[in-house]
Amino acid sequence: MRTTTTLPHDPATDAHASVLERPDGLERGVKFPEPVVEKMRGPKLIALWVGLAAGAWGITAGVGYGFYVVVQSVLP
């Protein structure tokens, strides 16, 4: 009788056991280590936030001006 329930991994009966192994050789239940990411601090972070804020205001002003032009062209 076939089942739809996932059965535990048995390398002895599995023909594709090498395909199911992780490339780093660890067991399947062991998670990959988290990547090391440097945190951005100081002047770089401030410059990033200022740049993002300026870009957002620029986009807002552009959309506002575009809306103004459309409204002025529709009204007599």
Protein backbone atom coordinates (compact mmCIF):
# COMPACT_ATOMS: atom_id res chain seq x y z
CA MET A 1 0.00 0.00 0.00
CA ARG A 2 1.42 3.40 -1.00
CA THR A 3 1.36 6.32 1.40
CA THR A 4 1.40 10.07 0.87
CA THR A 5 3.12 10.63 4.21
CA THR A 6 6.78 11.53 3.98
CA LEU A 7 8.89 8.63 5.17
CA PRO A 8 12.22 9.05 6.94
CA HIS A 9 15.35 9.00 4.77
CA ASP A 10 16.95 5.55 4.55
CA PRO A 11 20.23 5.60 2.59
CA ALA A 12 20.34 1.79 2.48
CA THR A 13 17.18 1.57 0.37
CA ASP A 14 17.46 4.88 -1.44
CA ALA A 15 18.93 4.61 -4.94
CA HIS A 16 19.62 8.35 -5.06
CA ALA A 17 21.24 8.76 -1.65
CA SER A 18 24.17 10.73 -3.05
CA VAL A 19 21.78 13.27 -4.61
CA LEU A 20 20.08 13.88 -1.26
CA GLU A 21 23.31 14.54 0.61
CA ARG A 22 24.31 18.12 1.26
CA PRO A 23 27.33 19.41 -0.63
CA ASP A 24 29.15 20.27 2.60
CA GLY A 25 28.77 16.73 3.96
CA LEU A 26 26.66 17.68 6.99
CA GLU A 27 23.50 15.83 7.92
CA ARG A 28 20.25 16.88 6.28
CA GLY A 29 18.77 18.28 9.51
CA VAL A 30 21.71 20.61 10.14
CA LYS A 31 21.15 24.14 8.85
CA PHE A 32 23.72 25.99 6.78
CA PRO A 33 25.68 28.52 8.83
CA GLU A 34 24.52 32.12 8.57
CA PRO A 35 26.72 34.26 6.32
CA VAL A 36 28.87 36.89 7.99
CA VAL A 37 27.69 40.36 7.03
CA GLU A 38 29.49 43.53 8.05
CA LYS A 39 27.22 46.16 9.55
CA MET A 40 27.33 49.61 7.99
CA ARG A 41 28.10 52.23 10.62
CA GLY A 42 29.05 55.87 10.97
CA PRO A 43 29.34 58.29 8.05
CA LYS A 44 28.54 55.62 5.45
CA LEU A 45 25.20 54.89 7.08
CA ILE A 46 24.36 58.58 7.44
CA ALA A 47 25.27 59.21 3.78
CA LEU A 48 23.07 56.29 2.72
CA TRP A 49 20.07 57.60 4.68
CA VAL A 50 20.56 61.15 3.38
CA GLY A 51 20.80 59.85 -0.19
CA LEU A 52 17.68 57.72 0.17
CA ALA A 53 15.74 60.63 1.72
CA ALA A 54 16.88 63.01 -1.05
CA GLY A 55 15.88 60.47 -3.69
CA ALA A 56 12.47 59.98 -2.12
CA TRP A 57 11.87 63.74 -1.99
CA GLY A 58 13.05 64.07 -5.59
CA ILE A 59 10.61 61.41 -6.75
CA THR A 60 7.81 63.03 -4.75
CA ALA A 61 8.57 66.45 -6.25
CA GLY A 62 8.70 64.97 -9.76
CA VAL A 63 5.37 63.21 -9.36
CA GLY A 64 3.85 66.37 -7.87
CA TYR A 65 5.09 68.51 -10.73
CA GLY A 66 3.85 65.97 -13.27
CA PHE A 67 0.44 66.00 -11.63
CA TYR A 68 0.48 69.82 -11.69
CA VAL A 69 1.28 69.84 -15.42
CA VAL A 70 -1.51 67.36 -16.18
CA VAL A 71 -4.04 69.33 -14.17
CA GLN A 72 -2.97 72.63 -15.83
CA SER A 73 -3.30 71.11 -19.28
CA VAL A 74 -6.79 69.74 -18.57
CA LEU A 75 -8.18 72.92 -17.00
CA PRO A 76 -8.97 75.85 -19.29
